[in-house]
Each structure stands twice: as structure tokens, then as C-alpha cells.
Protein backbone atom coordinates (compact mmCIF):
# COMPACT_ATOMS: atom_id res chain seq x y z
CA UNK A 1 193.77 64.47 80.78
CA UNK A 2 192.37 62.89 83.71
CA UNK A 3 193.65 59.65 84.99
CA UNK A 4 190.62 56.37 84.97
CA UNK A 5 189.74 55.41 88.17
CA UNK A 6 189.90 51.60 88.22
CA UNK A 7 186.71 50.17 89.83
CA UNK A 8 187.18 47.19 92.17
CA UNK A 9 184.24 44.77 92.20
CA UNK A 10 182.09 44.76 95.12
CA UNK A 11 182.32 41.16 95.92
CA UNK A 12 185.97 41.60 96.12
CA UNK A 13 186.31 44.21 98.22
CA UNK A 14 183.90 42.45 100.67
CA UNK A 15 186.45 39.65 100.59
CA UNK A 16 189.32 41.51 101.04
CA UNK A 17 187.92 43.56 104.05
CA UNK A 18 186.81 40.19 105.59
CA UNK A 19 190.52 38.95 105.50
CA UNK A 20 191.73 41.86 106.98
CA UNK A 21 189.54 41.62 109.79
CA UNK A 22 190.78 37.93 110.90
CA UNK A 23 192.97 37.91 114.03
CA UNK A 24 196.90 37.29 112.86
CA UNK A 25 198.32 33.85 113.03
CA UNK A 26 200.41 32.89 116.12
CA UNK A 27 203.94 31.85 116.02
CA UNK A 28 202.49 28.26 116.58
CA UNK A 29 200.08 26.63 114.57
CA UNK A 30 198.65 24.70 118.19
CA UNK A 31 197.55 28.30 119.39
CA UNK A 32 195.98 29.51 116.26
CA UNK A 33 192.33 30.77 117.50
CA UNK A 34 191.13 31.36 113.85
CA UNK A 35 191.87 27.75 112.64
CA UNK A 36 188.72 25.82 111.84
CA UNK A 37 190.73 22.46 112.82
CA UNK A 38 191.05 23.75 116.28
CA UNK A 39 187.70 25.72 116.68
CA UNK A 40 186.41 25.52 120.23
CA UNK A 41 189.15 23.48 121.64
CA UNK A 42 190.26 25.33 124.74
CA UNK A 43 191.28 22.99 127.42
CA UNK A 44 191.63 24.14 130.88
CA UNK A 45 195.78 24.10 131.71
CA UNK A 46 195.37 22.18 135.09
CA UNK A 47 197.75 20.27 137.37
CA UNK A 48 198.03 16.60 137.43
CA UNK A 49 195.99 16.03 140.62
CA UNK A 50 193.20 18.57 139.45
CA UNK A 51 192.80 17.01 135.87
CA UNK A 52 192.35 13.73 137.47
CA UNK A 53 191.15 13.52 141.33
CA UNK A 54 187.86 14.98 140.38
CA UNK A 55 187.16 12.91 137.84
CA UNK A 56 188.59 9.43 139.14
CA UNK A 57 185.80 7.65 140.45
CA UNK A 58 183.47 7.60 137.67
CA UNK A 59 186.53 7.06 135.17
CA UNK A 60 187.65 3.98 137.15
CA UNK A 61 183.95 2.74 137.37
CA UNK A 62 183.53 3.01 133.61
CA UNK A 63 186.62 1.13 133.32
CA UNK A 64 185.78 -1.62 135.71
CA UNK A 65 182.44 -2.07 134.12
CA UNK A 66 184.12 -2.54 130.68
CA UNK A 67 186.68 -5.08 131.62
CA UNK A 68 184.04 -6.86 133.16
CA UNK A 69 181.91 -7.34 129.90
CA UNK A 70 184.61 -6.92 126.98
CA UNK A 71 186.61 -9.61 126.16
CA UNK A 72 188.98 -7.42 124.44
CA UNK A 73 189.73 -5.06 127.49
CA UNK A 74 189.92 -7.99 129.94
CA UNK A 75 192.13 -9.73 127.40
CA UNK A 76 194.63 -6.44 127.12
CA UNK A 77 194.70 -6.70 130.92
CA UNK A 78 195.40 -10.55 131.16
CA UNK A 79 198.28 -10.28 128.55
CA UNK A 80 200.54 -7.72 130.24
CA UNK A 81 199.78 -9.23 133.80
CA UNK A 82 201.05 -12.71 132.42
CA UNK A 83 203.93 -11.03 130.54
CA UNK A 84 205.01 -8.70 133.92
CA UNK A 85 204.48 -11.36 136.41
CA UNK A 86 202.77 -14.68 135.34
CA UNK A 87 203.10 -17.32 137.63
CA UNK A 88 206.44 -16.26 139.67
CA UNK A 89 208.36 -13.80 140.07
CA UNK A 90 211.57 -15.07 141.48
CA UNK A 91 214.01 -13.28 143.75
CA UNK A 92 217.57 -13.76 142.57
CA UNK A 93 219.72 -12.02 145.73
CA UNK A 94 222.17 -9.60 145.05
CA UNK A 95 224.02 -8.18 148.49
CA UNK A 96 226.79 -5.81 147.37
CA UNK A 97 229.84 -7.29 148.79
CA UNK A 98 231.87 -4.08 148.37
CA UNK A 99 229.59 -2.08 150.38
CA UNK A 100 229.27 -4.89 152.98
CA UNK A 101 233.11 -5.29 153.23
CA UNK A 102 232.95 -8.87 152.45
CA UNK A 103 234.22 -11.41 149.59
CA UNK A 104 232.24 -12.10 146.97
CA UNK A 105 232.30 -15.53 148.09
CA UNK A 106 230.77 -14.71 151.14
CA UNK A 107 228.23 -12.59 149.45
CA UNK A 108 227.23 -15.30 147.07
CA UNK A 109 227.03 -17.62 150.24
CA UNK A 110 224.82 -15.28 152.06
CA UNK A 111 222.66 -14.91 148.95
CA UNK A 112 222.11 -18.80 148.86
CA UNK A 113 220.87 -18.53 152.46
CA UNK A 114 218.72 -15.53 151.90
CA UNK A 115 216.60 -17.35 148.88
CA UNK A 116 216.16 -20.38 150.85
CA UNK A 117 214.57 -18.74 153.89
CA UNK A 118 212.83 -16.64 151.37
CA UNK A 119 211.64 -19.09 149.12
CA UNK A 120 209.99 -20.84 152.56
CA UNK A 121 208.35 -17.13 153.48
CA UNK A 122 207.10 -16.51 149.95
CA UNK A 123 205.80 -19.87 148.93
CA UNK A 124 204.24 -21.08 152.06
CA UNK A 125 201.68 -23.40 151.22
CA UNK A 126 199.19 -22.17 154.04
CA UNK A 127 199.88 -18.31 152.56
CA UNK A 128 200.87 -16.62 155.96
CA UNK A 129 202.70 -14.13 154.07
CA UNK A 130 199.22 -12.87 152.91
CA UNK A 131 197.46 -11.03 155.63
CA UNK A 132 193.97 -12.61 154.31
CA UNK A 133 195.51 -15.94 153.86
CA UNK A 134 194.65 -16.77 150.33
CA UNK A 135 197.83 -16.04 148.13
CA UNK A 136 201.61 -16.93 148.05
CA UNK A 137 203.98 -13.98 147.10
CA UNK A 138 203.38 -14.71 143.45
CA UNK A 139 199.70 -14.46 143.68
CA UNK A 140 200.04 -11.12 145.28
CA UNK A 141 202.55 -9.47 142.92
CA UNK A 142 200.12 -10.90 140.37
CA UNK A 143 197.00 -9.20 142.24
CA UNK A 144 199.03 -5.85 142.19
CA UNK A 145 199.85 -5.63 138.72
CA UNK A 146 196.25 -6.39 137.48
CA UNK A 147 195.41 -3.55 139.60
CA UNK A 148 198.09 -1.57 138.24
CA UNK A 149 197.23 -2.46 135.00
CA UNK A 150 193.44 -1.85 134.94
CA UNK A 151 193.01 1.35 137.20
CA UNK A 152 196.58 2.80 136.95
CA UNK A 153 197.38 2.39 140.69
CA UNK A 154 197.75 -0.45 143.50
CA UNK A 155 197.89 -0.37 147.10
CA UNK A 156 199.20 -2.57 149.71
CA UNK A 157 199.69 -2.38 153.52
CA UNK A 158 202.30 -4.57 155.54
CA UNK A 159 200.91 -5.71 158.49
CA UNK A 160 202.60 -7.37 161.93
CA UNK A 161 200.55 -10.37 162.50
CA UNK A 162 202.18 -12.90 164.79
CA UNK A 163 201.20 -16.34 163.80
CA UNK A 164 201.57 -19.57 166.19
CA UNK A 165 204.40 -21.49 164.78
CA UNK A 166 205.39 -19.26 162.36
CA UNK A 167 208.58 -17.13 162.39
CA UNK A 168 207.71 -14.19 160.70
CA UNK A 169 205.41 -11.35 161.53
CA UNK A 170 205.53 -9.48 158.20
CA UNK A 171 202.28 -9.92 156.13
CA UNK A 172 200.95 -8.06 153.08
CA UNK A 173 197.64 -6.74 152.64
CA UNK A 174 196.62 -5.89 149.09
CA UNK A 175 194.07 -3.24 149.43
CA UNK A 176 191.31 -2.06 147.00
CA UNK A 177 192.80 1.84 145.70
CA UNK A 178 188.96 2.82 145.73
CA UNK A 179 189.32 3.16 149.43
CA UNK A 180 192.15 5.71 149.24
CA UNK A 181 190.63 9.13 149.89
CA UNK A 182 190.05 12.05 151.74
CA UNK A 183 188.09 11.43 155.21
CA UNK A 184 184.67 12.51 155.42
CA UNK A 185 184.78 13.95 152.05
CA UNK A 186 187.21 16.76 152.68
CA UNK A 187 187.88 18.73 149.71
CA UNK A 188 191.54 18.25 148.33
CA UNK A 189 194.08 21.08 149.61
CA UNK A 190 197.65 21.57 149.37
CA UNK A 191 198.63 18.69 151.87
CA UNK A 192 195.72 16.42 151.19
CA UNK A 193 195.28 14.84 147.63
CA UNK A 194 193.25 11.87 147.17
CA UNK A 195 193.56 10.59 150.34
CA UNK A 196 197.40 11.10 150.26
CA UNK A 197 198.89 13.31 152.98
CA UNK A 198 201.66 15.24 151.99
CA UNK A 199 204.75 17.16 153.69
CA UNK A 200 206.05 20.88 152.61
CA UNK A 201 207.91 19.09 149.60
CA UNK A 202 204.87 17.25 148.18
CA UNK A 203 206.26 14.46 149.53
CA UNK A 204 203.92 11.30 150.94
CA UNK A 205 203.91 10.80 154.28
CA UNK A 206 200.65 9.08 155.15
CA UNK A 207 197.40 7.63 153.55
CA UNK A 208 193.81 7.58 154.49
CA UNK A 209 192.21 4.46 153.76
CA UNK A 210 188.54 3.07 154.53
CA UNK A 211 187.81 0.26 156.85
CA UNK A 212 185.86 -1.15 153.91
CA UNK A 213 184.80 -0.42 150.34
CA UNK A 214 182.15 2.36 149.84
CA UNK A 215 180.40 -0.12 147.70
CA UNK A 216 180.55 -3.25 149.40
CA UNK A 217 178.08 -5.69 150.92
CA UNK A 218 177.22 -4.95 154.64
CA UNK A 219 180.14 -2.35 154.99
CA UNK A 220 177.96 0.74 155.39
CA UNK A 221 179.41 1.90 158.91
CA UNK A 222 182.67 0.35 158.24
CA UNK A 223 183.11 2.33 154.69
CA UNK A 224 182.86 5.84 156.76
CA UNK A 225 186.00 5.13 159.02
CA UNK A 226 189.18 6.24 157.52
CA UNK A 227 192.67 4.98 159.25
CA UNK A 228 195.59 7.00 158.88
CA UNK A 229 198.44 5.12 158.03
CA UNK A 230 201.91 6.25 157.74
CA UNK A 231 204.17 5.60 154.70
CA UNK A 232 207.08 4.38 156.86
CA UNK A 233 207.41 2.91 160.08
CA UNK A 234 210.16 4.75 161.92
CA UNK A 235 212.26 1.93 164.12
CA UNK A 236 215.94 2.54 163.47
CA UNK A 237 215.30 2.69 159.65
CA UNK A 238 211.92 3.98 157.46
CA UNK A 239 210.66 0.47 157.42
CA UNK A 240 208.16 0.26 154.25
CA UNK A 241 204.49 0.23 155.77
CA UNK A 242 202.11 1.46 152.72
CA UNK A 243 202.69 0.57 149.29
CA UNK A 244 201.71 2.81 146.58
CA UNK A 245 202.20 1.75 142.92
CA UNK A 246 201.68 3.91 140.22
CA UNK A 247 203.60 5.19 137.23
CA UNK A 248 204.03 9.04 137.68
CA UNK A 249 203.63 10.90 134.25
CA UNK A 250 203.93 14.10 135.57
CA UNK A 251 205.38 16.51 138.56
CA UNK A 252 202.56 16.88 141.10
CA UNK A 253 200.97 13.74 140.59
CA UNK A 254 199.96 11.77 143.47
CA UNK A 255 197.45 9.31 142.10
CA UNK A 256 197.70 6.55 139.22
CA UNK A 257 196.02 7.10 135.98
CA UNK A 258 194.82 3.95 133.62
CA UNK A 259 196.33 3.77 130.46
CA UNK A 260 192.69 2.57 129.50
CA UNK A 261 191.19 5.73 130.10
CA UNK A 262 192.48 7.29 126.67
CA UNK A 263 190.89 4.60 124.83
CA UNK A 264 187.74 4.07 126.71
CA UNK A 265 185.36 6.03 124.71
CA UNK A 266 186.55 4.14 121.66
CA UNK A 267 186.54 0.57 123.22
CA UNK A 268 183.18 1.09 124.65
CA UNK A 269 181.74 2.33 120.97
CA UNK A 270 183.59 -0.94 119.31
CA UNK A 271 182.00 -3.06 122.04
CA UNK A 272 178.43 -1.63 121.27
CA UNK A 273 179.16 -1.65 117.64
CA UNK A 274 180.12 -5.21 117.73
CA UNK A 275 177.13 -6.39 120.03
CA UNK A 276 174.88 -4.34 117.39
CA UNK A 277 176.52 -6.52 114.74
CA UNK A 278 176.01 -10.06 116.58
CA UNK A 279 172.77 -9.54 117.28
CA UNK A 280 171.68 -8.30 113.70
CA UNK A 281 173.32 -11.41 112.45
CA UNK A 282 171.57 -13.57 114.71
CA UNK A 283 168.18 -12.08 113.88
CA UNK A 284 168.94 -12.24 110.22
CA UNK A 285 170.05 -15.88 110.84
CA UNK A 286 166.74 -16.90 112.73
CA UNK A 287 164.40 -15.66 110.16
CA UNK A 288 163.90 -18.66 107.77
CA UNK A 289 161.27 -16.97 105.65
CA UNK A 290 158.18 -14.84 105.66
CA UNK A 291 154.64 -15.99 105.34
CA UNK A 292 152.46 -13.91 103.44
CA UNK A 293 148.68 -13.91 102.78
CA UNK A 294 146.88 -13.55 99.72
CA UNK A 295 143.40 -13.16 100.94
CA UNK A 296 141.12 -11.05 98.61
CA UNK A 297 137.81 -9.19 99.51
CA UNK A 298 135.41 -11.82 98.23
CA UNK A 299 137.15 -14.69 100.03
CA UNK A 300 137.12 -12.46 102.98
CA UNK A 301 133.75 -12.03 102.78
CA UNK A 302 132.76 -15.44 102.22
CA UNK A 303 134.87 -16.80 105.02
CA UNK A 304 133.97 -13.85 107.57
CA UNK A 305 130.91 -11.99 106.51
CA UNK A 306 129.84 -9.01 105.30
CA UNK A 307 129.53 -7.10 108.39
CA UNK A 308 132.31 -4.50 109.08
CA UNK A 309 132.16 -5.21 112.95
CA UNK A 310 133.11 -8.88 112.67
CA UNK A 311 135.78 -10.17 114.83
CA UNK A 312 139.24 -10.90 112.79
CA UNK A 313 140.68 -12.29 115.82
CA UNK A 314 138.77 -15.41 115.26
CA UNK A 315 140.44 -15.44 111.62
CA UNK A 316 144.06 -14.80 113.26
CA UNK A 317 143.30 -17.33 115.74
CA UNK A 318 142.44 -20.16 113.25
CA UNK A 319 145.54 -19.31 111.32
CA UNK A 320 147.80 -19.43 114.57
CA UNK A 321 146.05 -22.90 115.25
CA UNK A 322 146.27 -24.33 111.81
CA UNK A 323 150.45 -23.25 111.90
CA UNK A 324 150.43 -24.56 115.67
CA UNK A 325 149.15 -28.06 115.00
CA UNK A 326 151.38 -28.30 111.72
CA UNK A 327 154.97 -27.24 112.87
CA UNK A 328 155.37 -25.51 109.35
CA UNK A 329 158.91 -24.71 109.94
CA UNK A 330 160.02 -26.79 112.20
CA UNK A 331 162.29 -29.53 110.17
CA UNK A 332 159.68 -29.91 107.88
CA UNK A 333 160.53 -31.29 104.03
CA UNK A 334 156.86 -30.84 102.62
CA UNK A 335 154.77 -28.27 104.29
CA UNK A 336 150.99 -27.03 103.94
CA UNK A 337 149.88 -23.70 104.15
CA UNK A 338 146.83 -22.16 105.24
CA UNK A 339 144.31 -21.61 102.54
CA UNK A 340 145.60 -18.39 100.29
CA UNK A 341 148.82 -18.07 101.84
CA UNK A 342 152.40 -18.08 100.70
CA UNK A 343 155.69 -19.00 101.90
CA UNK A 344 158.97 -16.34 100.78
CA UNK A 345 162.26 -17.85 102.23
CA UNK A 346 164.94 -15.28 103.39
CA UNK A 347 167.83 -15.62 100.79
CA UNK A 348 169.67 -12.40 101.50
CA UNK A 349 172.03 -12.75 103.67
CA UNK A 350 173.68 -10.04 105.98
CA UNK A 351 176.57 -7.96 104.53
CA UNK A 352 179.42 -8.15 106.92
CA UNK A 353 182.30 -8.31 105.07
CA UNK A 354 183.49 -4.88 106.35
CA UNK A 355 183.19 -5.58 110.04
CA UNK A 356 186.34 -7.58 110.11
CA UNK A 357 188.50 -4.82 108.81
CA UNK A 358 187.18 -2.22 111.06
CA UNK A 359 187.81 -4.09 114.23
CA UNK A 360 191.24 -4.84 113.11
CA UNK A 361 192.19 -1.72 112.81
CA UNK A 362 190.65 -0.45 115.73
CA UNK A 363 192.39 -3.16 117.60
CA UNK A 364 195.76 -2.32 116.40
CA UNK A 365 195.24 1.14 117.86
CA UNK A 366 194.26 -0.10 121.16
CA UNK A 367 197.13 -2.35 121.25
CA UNK A 368 199.54 0.35 120.50
CA UNK A 369 198.23 2.45 123.35
CA UNK A 370 198.63 -0.06 125.93
CA UNK A 371 202.17 -1.35 124.66
CA UNK A 372 201.44 -4.48 123.39
CA UNK A 373 200.95 -5.84 119.99
CA UNK A 374 197.95 -6.65 117.94
CA UNK A 375 198.60 -10.14 117.79
CA UNK A 376 198.99 -10.28 121.41
CA UNK A 377 195.70 -8.74 121.78
CA UNK A 378 193.65 -10.45 119.19
CA UNK A 379 195.31 -13.94 119.27
CA UNK A 380 195.64 -13.69 115.22
CA UNK A 381 199.36 -14.96 113.81
CA UNK A 382 197.68 -15.70 110.71
CA UNK A 383 199.25 -12.87 108.73
CA UNK A 384 202.68 -13.20 110.97
CA UNK A 385 206.08 -14.19 109.69
CA UNK A 386 209.11 -14.63 111.78
CA UNK A 387 210.77 -11.10 111.58
CA UNK A 388 207.62 -9.47 112.13
CA UNK A 389 206.65 -11.40 114.97
CA UNK A 390 210.33 -10.80 116.52
CA UNK A 391 209.88 -6.90 116.06
CA UNK A 392 206.78 -6.90 117.83
CA UNK A 393 208.40 -8.97 120.51
CA UNK A 394 211.38 -6.66 121.08
CA UNK A 395 209.01 -3.64 120.95
CA UNK A 396 206.81 -5.02 123.54
CA UNK A 397 209.24 -6.44 125.95
CA UNK A 398 210.74 -2.95 126.51
CA UNK A 399 207.18 -1.75 127.56
CA UNK A 400 206.96 -4.97 129.84
CA UNK A 401 210.08 -4.41 131.29
CA UNK A 402 209.02 -0.84 132.32
CA UNK A 403 206.35 -2.45 133.90
CA UNK A 404 207.60 -5.02 135.87
CA UNK A 405 210.20 -2.36 137.13
CA UNK A 406 207.40 -0.19 138.46
CA UNK A 407 205.97 -3.38 140.32
CA UNK A 408 209.33 -4.33 141.49
CA UNK A 409 210.12 -0.57 142.74
CA UNK A 410 207.03 -0.19 144.55
CA UNK A 411 205.98 -3.62 145.83
CA UNK A 412 208.04 -6.51 145.79
CA UNK A 413 211.57 -4.74 146.76
CA UNK A 414 210.04 -2.82 149.70
CA UNK A 415 208.50 -6.32 150.86
CA UNK A 416 211.49 -8.14 150.50
CA UNK A 417 213.14 -5.26 152.67
CA UNK A 418 210.79 -5.42 155.46
CA UNK A 419 211.05 -9.37 155.43
CA UNK A 420 214.83 -9.39 155.02
CA UNK A 421 215.12 -7.02 158.22
CA UNK A 422 213.01 -9.36 160.30
CA UNK A 423 214.82 -11.98 158.89
CA UNK A 424 217.91 -10.90 160.13
CA UNK A 425 216.45 -9.46 163.40
CA UNK A 426 215.07 -12.82 164.72
CA UNK A 427 218.19 -14.89 163.40
CA UNK A 428 216.58 -16.72 160.57
CA UNK A 429 219.14 -15.16 158.42
CA UNK A 430 222.57 -14.86 159.53
CA UNK A 431 224.66 -12.20 157.93
CA UNK A 432 228.70 -12.79 157.53
CA UNK A 433 230.57 -12.00 160.63
CA UNK A 434 232.42 -8.66 159.11
CA UNK A 435 229.49 -7.36 157.29
CA UNK A 436 228.04 -4.08 159.03
CA UNK A 437 224.48 -3.85 161.08
CA UNK A 438 221.51 -4.32 158.69
CA UNK A 439 220.34 -0.26 159.95
CA UNK A 440 223.85 0.73 158.71
CA UNK A 441 223.55 -0.26 155.23
CA UNK A 442 220.08 -1.67 154.11
CA UNK A 443 220.71 -0.60 150.88
CA UNK A 444 223.67 -2.75 150.69
CA UNK A 445 221.50 -5.61 151.81
CA UNK A 446 218.47 -5.53 149.97
CA UNK A 447 220.11 -5.39 146.02
CA UNK A 448 218.33 -8.05 144.30
CA UNK A 449 217.11 -8.42 141.03
CA UNK A 450 213.57 -10.11 140.24
CA UNK A 451 213.26 -12.98 137.45
CA UNK A 452 209.64 -12.91 135.82
CA UNK A 453 208.32 -14.93 133.03
CA UNK A 454 210.60 -15.33 130.13
CA UNK A 455 210.21 -13.60 126.63
CA UNK A 456 209.60 -16.85 124.73
CA UNK A 457 210.46 -18.35 121.59
CA UNK A 458 209.39 -17.42 117.89
CA UNK A 459 211.71 -19.91 116.44
CA UNK A 460 213.24 -22.09 119.34
CA UNK A 461 216.44 -23.19 116.99
CA UNK A 462 217.42 -19.75 115.61
CA UNK A 463 217.26 -18.05 119.43
CA UNK A 464 218.97 -21.20 121.06
CA UNK A 465 221.79 -20.52 118.48
CA UNK A 466 222.04 -16.86 119.20
CA UNK A 467 222.24 -17.19 122.70
CA UNK A 468 224.82 -19.82 122.46
CA UNK A 469 226.82 -16.96 120.57
CA UNK A 470 226.26 -14.08 122.70
CA UNK A 471 227.82 -16.31 125.25
CA UNK A 472 230.58 -17.47 123.56
CA UNK A 473 231.31 -13.87 122.05
CA UNK A 474 231.15 -12.69 125.90
CA UNK A 475 228.42 -10.24 125.17
CA UNK A 476 226.19 -11.97 127.36
CA UNK A 477 226.20 -14.59 130.00
CA UNK A 478 224.49 -18.16 131.04
CA UNK A 479 222.52 -15.67 133.90
CA UNK A 480 221.34 -13.38 131.86
CA UNK A 481 220.05 -15.85 129.03
CA UNK A 482 218.56 -17.90 131.66
CA UNK A 483 216.70 -15.49 133.23
CA UNK A 484 215.46 -14.00 130.11
CA UNK A 485 213.21 -17.29 129.69
CA UNK A 486 212.12 -17.13 133.10
CA UNK A 487 214.83 -19.72 134.59
CA UNK A 488 217.24 -19.48 137.48
CA UNK A 489 220.66 -20.31 136.02
CA UNK A 490 222.21 -21.50 139.48
CA UNK A 491 218.80 -24.08 139.39
CA UNK A 492 219.89 -24.97 136.36
CA UNK A 493 223.66 -25.87 136.82
CA UNK A 494 222.66 -27.83 140.16
CA UNK A 495 220.22 -29.67 138.17
CA UNK A 496 222.88 -30.57 135.69
CA UNK A 497 225.24 -31.71 137.93
CA UNK A 498 222.31 -33.62 139.61
CA UNK A 499 221.37 -35.17 136.25
CA UNK A 500 224.80 -35.81 135.37
CA UNK A 501 225.87 -37.76 138.32
CA UNK A 502 222.67 -39.71 138.14
CA UNK A 503 223.77 -40.78 134.30
CA UNK A 504 227.33 -41.87 135.84
CA UNK A 505 226.00 -43.98 138.43
CA UNK A 506 223.89 -45.73 136.11
CA UNK A 507 226.67 -46.25 133.60
CA UNK A 508 224.91 -43.66 131.29
CA UNK A 509 227.28 -41.52 129.23
CA UNK A 510 226.18 -38.25 129.17
CA UNK A 511 224.45 -36.80 125.67
CA UNK A 512 226.28 -34.94 123.29
CA UNK A 513 225.82 -31.33 122.45
CA UNK A 514 223.56 -30.88 119.46
CA UNK A 515 225.22 -30.43 116.28
CA UNK A 516 224.19 -26.80 114.71
CA UNK A 517 223.17 -27.27 110.82
CA UNK A 518 222.92 -24.13 109.05
CA UNK A 519 219.30 -24.56 107.49
CA UNK A 520 219.09 -23.54 103.55
CA UNK A 521 218.05 -20.32 102.56
CA UNK A 522 214.26 -20.23 101.94
CA UNK A 523 211.24 -18.06 102.46
CA UNK A 524 210.12 -16.81 105.48
CA UNK A 525 207.51 -19.24 107.25
CA UNK A 526 204.48 -17.57 108.55
CA UNK A 527 203.40 -18.07 112.26
CA UNK A 528 200.42 -19.98 112.34
CA UNK A 529 197.65 -20.13 115.26
């Protein structure tokens, strides 16, 4: 007896053949060439400089245009600069007593001497610390921070400028990073990348800076002259000369990349969408109504004649003159229309209920990509309670601390080191007798902390109580708590001593410490605008 043969339908055979012809899946789905979700996604594997340098100028031009014309983008930059630098970046000198071979009391006295001389230099009312004589030191740091946040990098050059009646020659010139580039448009190679000259290990040794911006007014000749400026001026030690501030996210990266790049396309689309919505709403609101004509054939023949060659412009001009003389829709209560016309008012509002939710969702993503909170970007605190506001502030503060640290490492600390070297050299600052020469221990001399804007308070009572408990439990110090709010504890204590002396001289008693009263349990309050 013959065995029966099982017949497979043609459709099943075709499907099975198609499945067996697909390439096998890879070990990682990210490299699967047969995935529909990843089809056509074949980015090139490039170095950090190769990815960015050819696209840098166009990307930066678009970023600058967006921040000029879009309020959200401009606000995001302002918030980060305000938190990182704000109105002041205060020096808290901390010379290393052990490394200098001096006592801590001597180090404290030396630090007080340094800070007094630094304030005279940094806060000079005639701005002699600025090569362009326009900003004090905090203003220079704010400008550097703004360039860094906006385009991803900032550039400054330390100049040596004698000024009559001024002891210091060190001055800072902030330079537009657009001026940094290869001379005469030379292509990048292994020793020259985007205007940065490298040594055999990839360390920057010099920078090529145009004498003028290529897009400036009247700078056509100067813009095509490049100056080679060494990174350090080797005179006894490596005195900083060029300050190039940027966040290095990859090995081999020599130019900064703005964090706005990742969200640039979405921000541009949101700006266009918002503009279109506002225009549509404005047009819809400006149209009060429409006038319809009910002119029939007989009335038209009577008014205009039976001749088909009749000039209709005469009739239209009559209607225009009629309405022009009577200002029908301009502050009128009772109106008279042209014969055969009817007025229909516009009573249909434009539907915009979905726009706020869409904008909020988008701004939340944009704020997260920049390291700030949605509330800070939008200034909308209507849906925020104390716990969520405090949690958001803690997360944002870590990002701001990192941003401030990069500005300090890249700009503030090198400027301070160059100034202190000069101040000691000319005798404006005198080290303790047993301290070594500055050039033998520069790192020990320039140890410092930089105090920026404070974190601020969400609930002043709760946070003041928490600060007092941390100090009492020996897990924090008065210096740390005051600096977190943007203050200098030595200035605070000195002012308290002066106030106590004045109160005693006037026969007044000092105010008693406030009594901490435990608030009753209640629901968390909303933080309102």
C-alpha cells in the first residue's frame, strides 16, 4: 500500500521560502540589518572631530538664530547662566598651608590679604581687568558662561596691557569662538583641528585666532589674518595665555558642542508651530463677520443694465464707498447695509485646547535635555508642590555645579593664577616668610573655592531649620551653609560682630534666637507663581 503524500498549499510554501531567505538576526538587536524599525539607519563611525568640525559653523549659526528669535531657547540659556554665575562669582582663597610649610593661621591671614587685593582687581569700577574696558570680572565670567552654554565653548586670551596708575598688567579679552579656525581655510589634519594646534599626544599647544569676525562690519581684511597664540607663556612656569572652555564628551574632541544641538530641530518646529497658532488665532479673532450680497439677476439687470460688457468695477466701487462712509463695523451699534447685503457675525472660536498640552510636553523634554527643570524654563509653578520643587532643585543643582566647575577650571582659576603670579611678583601680595617661591609651588598658592549664586529657598523655614540641624550634628559647617546661599561666612561673621558692637554702643540688647515652632501636619501646599 503506497503512502499518501501530504500536499502543502502554495501560499505556505512561498511564506516559508521568504522566511528562510532573511539574514539571521545578530547577537545585538542594535546591529540587526533586517529590522524594520532600524531600516535605512546606517550612521558613519567617525571620530569626535570628524563628526563636528565640518558641521560646526552651520549648526552654530542656526543656534544663534534660534536664541535670537525664540523666547524658550533664550530663556533656557539665561536660566543656566543665572544659576552658574549670576551677578557674582566670589573668590574664597584657600592656600595649602601644609604644602607651603606654614601654619594654618598664616595661611588664613595670607588668604585674607589675597582676597582684598583680588577684589580691588576684579571689581575695579573702571574695568581695567577687561582688555576691552567694558566688564568687571563677574561680567567676564557671565559672558564666558553664556558663550559656553549657547554654542558649547568659550574662548578668552590673557593680555599683558600696561595702564597708567594701575599696578596690574594682566587683562582678559573674551573672544568669539567663531574666530577660532585653521588659517586660510586649511583642511584639518593630525596636528591642526578647527584652529587648535596639537602636539604628538593630542594636547593643544597653540590656537589660531582671526583678528576679526568673518561676519563683522568692516572687518573684511582683518578677518583673513590669523594670529598664532600659544596656549601657555613659558616664563618660569606655564602661565595661562589662551582659555578654551568646553565640555569634553569624547576622547579626541578639540572643539565644544552645544547641548542645544540635540534639540535644535524640535525647537525650530515648535517655534514655527507656535507662530502659526498665534497667527491663526489672531486672524480668527480679527474677523468679526462677513457681508454676503443677495443681488439677484433682475436687480443686477436693473442696476447695471443688460449689456454683458457692463463694467462691474463701478458697482463694486459704489459698495466700497457706501461702507467706507458709514464705518459699518467700527464701533457701530446700529448699522445700515448696502441694498441686498446680509451681515453674518463670526461666532466660531478657533480650537486651541490641545496646544498648551502639546507645548508643555515638548518643553519638558527640552528642559530635561539641558539639565534644568520644566518649571524653571517655563516659569510655570502652578502644579508644583514643595516636595517636587525640592526634588527638581536637587537634580538641577548637580547639573549646575558641574557647569560651574567647568567654568571655574577653564577660566576663573587660570585667570586667578595669572593675576596672583603678577601680584606676588610686583609686591602687591606678600607671602609668609617661610613660604617657598611661587614658581616652586604654584598649585599650593592658587588653591581656592569659588562661590556663585545661592540655591535659593523653596520653604525658607524648613530649609533654615535643616541647615541649623546639620551644623549642630557636625555634618556641615557654617562656611558650607552660607556658601550654598551665595554668601561668604567670614563677611557674615564680621558683619555680625559690627552689628553686635553697634547694638552695645546704643544700649540695645541683641535679638534672641528665633524659637522653632513645629508646624501642624497638613497637606503640602502648592507653589504658586
